[in-house]
Amino acid sequence: DLTLWQIFALRGVLALPMLLVLLWLRGAHRGVLRIALGVWPLLRAVFITTTFLAFYAAIPFLSLSTVGAANYIAPIFVAQPSARSDRFSDRVRRQQGHEDRRDVVCCANG
């Protein structure tokens, strides 16, 4: 019998070679791999992997309601600092005399 974390680990191990083959066939492997193997993407991957390992290791010790609540509330805790960061960077841009990037993107798309 496979446990939940083993199923997710197996999914990742099986999906990675398939994605690499798909990139190779499309000819996009050079640029994508160079970007994906940078310091920040690899650091992000380590943190995400650690988060999931800790989450699945804690499941046997938590109630189902706690696991469900953590699973549904987690995106809020990720989005909130991101929104604050965007407001802060917009304020810095305005103080430096730069235009708001969202207006440029909006006008370029419309």
Protein backbone atom coordinates (compact mmCIF):
# COMPACT_ATOMS: atom_id res chain seq x y z
CA ASP A 1 0.00 0.00 0.00
CA LEU A 2 1.22 3.45 -0.92
CA THR A 3 0.76 6.34 1.46
CA LEU A 4 -0.35 9.77 0.29
CA TRP A 5 3.12 11.32 0.20
CA GLN A 6 4.46 8.34 -1.76
CA ILE A 7 1.73 8.78 -4.38
CA PHE A 8 2.59 12.46 -4.80
CA ALA A 9 6.31 11.72 -4.93
CA LEU A 10 5.74 9.03 -7.55
CA ARG A 11 3.58 11.43 -9.56
CA GLY A 12 6.41 13.97 -9.59
CA VAL A 13 9.04 11.39 -10.49
CA LEU A 14 6.92 10.16 -13.40
CA ALA A 15 5.84 13.62 -14.60
CA LEU A 16 9.30 15.18 -14.76
CA PRO A 17 10.70 12.96 -17.55
CA MET A 18 7.50 13.37 -19.55
CA LEU A 19 7.73 17.17 -19.28
CA LEU A 20 11.40 17.12 -20.30
CA VAL A 21 10.60 15.00 -23.37
CA LEU A 22 7.78 17.37 -24.29
CA LEU A 23 10.13 20.36 -23.99
CA TRP A 24 12.76 18.59 -26.07
CA LEU A 25 10.27 17.79 -28.84
CA ARG A 26 9.02 21.37 -28.97
CA GLY A 27 12.58 22.71 -29.12
CA ALA A 28 12.00 24.92 -26.10
CA HIS A 29 14.41 23.11 -23.83
CA ARG A 30 17.33 25.51 -24.05
CA GLY A 31 15.70 28.69 -22.77
CA VAL A 32 13.30 27.03 -20.38
CA LEU A 33 15.90 24.87 -18.68
CA ARG A 34 18.31 27.78 -18.32
CA ILE A 35 15.62 29.81 -16.55
CA ALA A 36 14.27 26.88 -14.50
CA LEU A 37 17.70 25.88 -13.23
CA GLY A 38 18.47 29.33 -11.89
CA VAL A 39 19.05 29.99 -8.20
CA TRP A 40 15.63 31.47 -7.38
CA PRO A 41 13.48 28.84 -9.13
CA LEU A 42 15.47 26.05 -7.48
CA LEU A 43 15.21 27.72 -4.07
CA ARG A 44 11.45 28.10 -4.59
CA ALA A 45 11.20 24.41 -5.52
CA VAL A 46 13.07 23.41 -2.36
CA PHE A 47 10.72 25.49 -0.20
CA ILE A 48 7.60 24.14 -1.91
CA THR A 49 8.84 20.56 -1.56
CA THR A 50 9.62 21.12 2.11
CA THR A 51 6.18 22.63 2.65
CA PHE A 52 4.40 19.66 1.09
CA LEU A 53 6.54 17.14 2.93
CA ALA A 54 5.79 18.84 6.25
CA PHE A 55 2.08 19.06 5.42
CA TYR A 56 1.74 15.38 4.47
CA ALA A 57 3.88 14.30 7.42
CA ALA A 58 1.53 16.18 9.77
CA ILE A 59 -1.69 14.71 8.36
CA PRO A 60 -1.70 11.59 10.61
CA PHE A 61 -1.54 13.83 13.69
CA LEU A 62 -4.26 16.32 12.69
CA SER A 63 -8.03 16.08 12.44
CA LEU A 64 -9.68 16.10 9.04
CA SER A 65 -11.24 19.51 9.68
CA THR A 66 -7.85 21.03 10.53
CA VAL A 67 -6.27 19.56 7.39
CA GLY A 68 -9.14 20.85 5.25
CA ALA A 69 -9.01 24.31 6.78
CA ALA A 70 -5.23 24.51 6.32
CA ASN A 71 -5.55 23.38 2.72
CA TYR A 72 -8.19 26.00 1.85
CA ILE A 73 -6.73 28.91 3.86
CA ALA A 74 -3.12 28.51 2.68
CA PRO A 75 -3.62 30.38 -0.64
CA ILE A 76 -4.87 33.41 1.30
CA PHE A 77 -1.64 33.55 3.28
CA VAL A 78 0.29 33.38 0.02
CA ALA A 79 -1.77 36.03 -1.80
CA GLN A 80 -1.88 38.58 1.01
CA PRO A 81 1.87 39.36 1.17
CA SER A 82 1.94 39.40 -2.63
CA ALA A 83 -0.79 42.05 -2.77
CA ARG A 84 0.98 44.15 -0.17
CA SER A 85 4.23 43.82 -2.07
CA ASP A 86 2.54 45.05 -5.27
CA ARG A 87 1.12 48.10 -3.49
CA PHE A 88 4.53 48.86 -1.99
CA SER A 89 6.34 48.58 -5.32
CA ASP A 90 3.69 50.77 -7.00
CA ARG A 91 4.21 53.44 -4.31
CA VAL A 92 8.00 53.33 -4.82
CA ARG A 93 7.56 53.64 -8.60
CA ARG A 94 5.31 56.68 -8.22
CA GLN A 95 7.79 58.33 -5.84
CA GLN A 96 10.54 57.78 -8.40
CA GLY A 97 8.41 59.30 -11.17
CA HIS A 98 7.68 56.09 -13.06
CA GLU A 99 4.24 55.39 -14.45
CA ASP A 100 2.02 52.62 -13.11
CA ARG A 101 2.79 49.38 -14.98
CA ARG A 102 -0.79 48.13 -14.71
CA ASP A 103 -2.03 51.07 -16.81
CA VAL A 104 0.54 50.30 -19.51
CA VAL A 105 -0.40 46.61 -19.62
CA CYS A 106 -4.10 47.45 -19.63
CA CYS A 107 -3.75 49.90 -22.51
CA ALA A 108 -1.44 47.59 -24.47
CA ASN A 109 -3.95 44.72 -24.22
CA GLY A 110 -7.02 46.83 -24.98
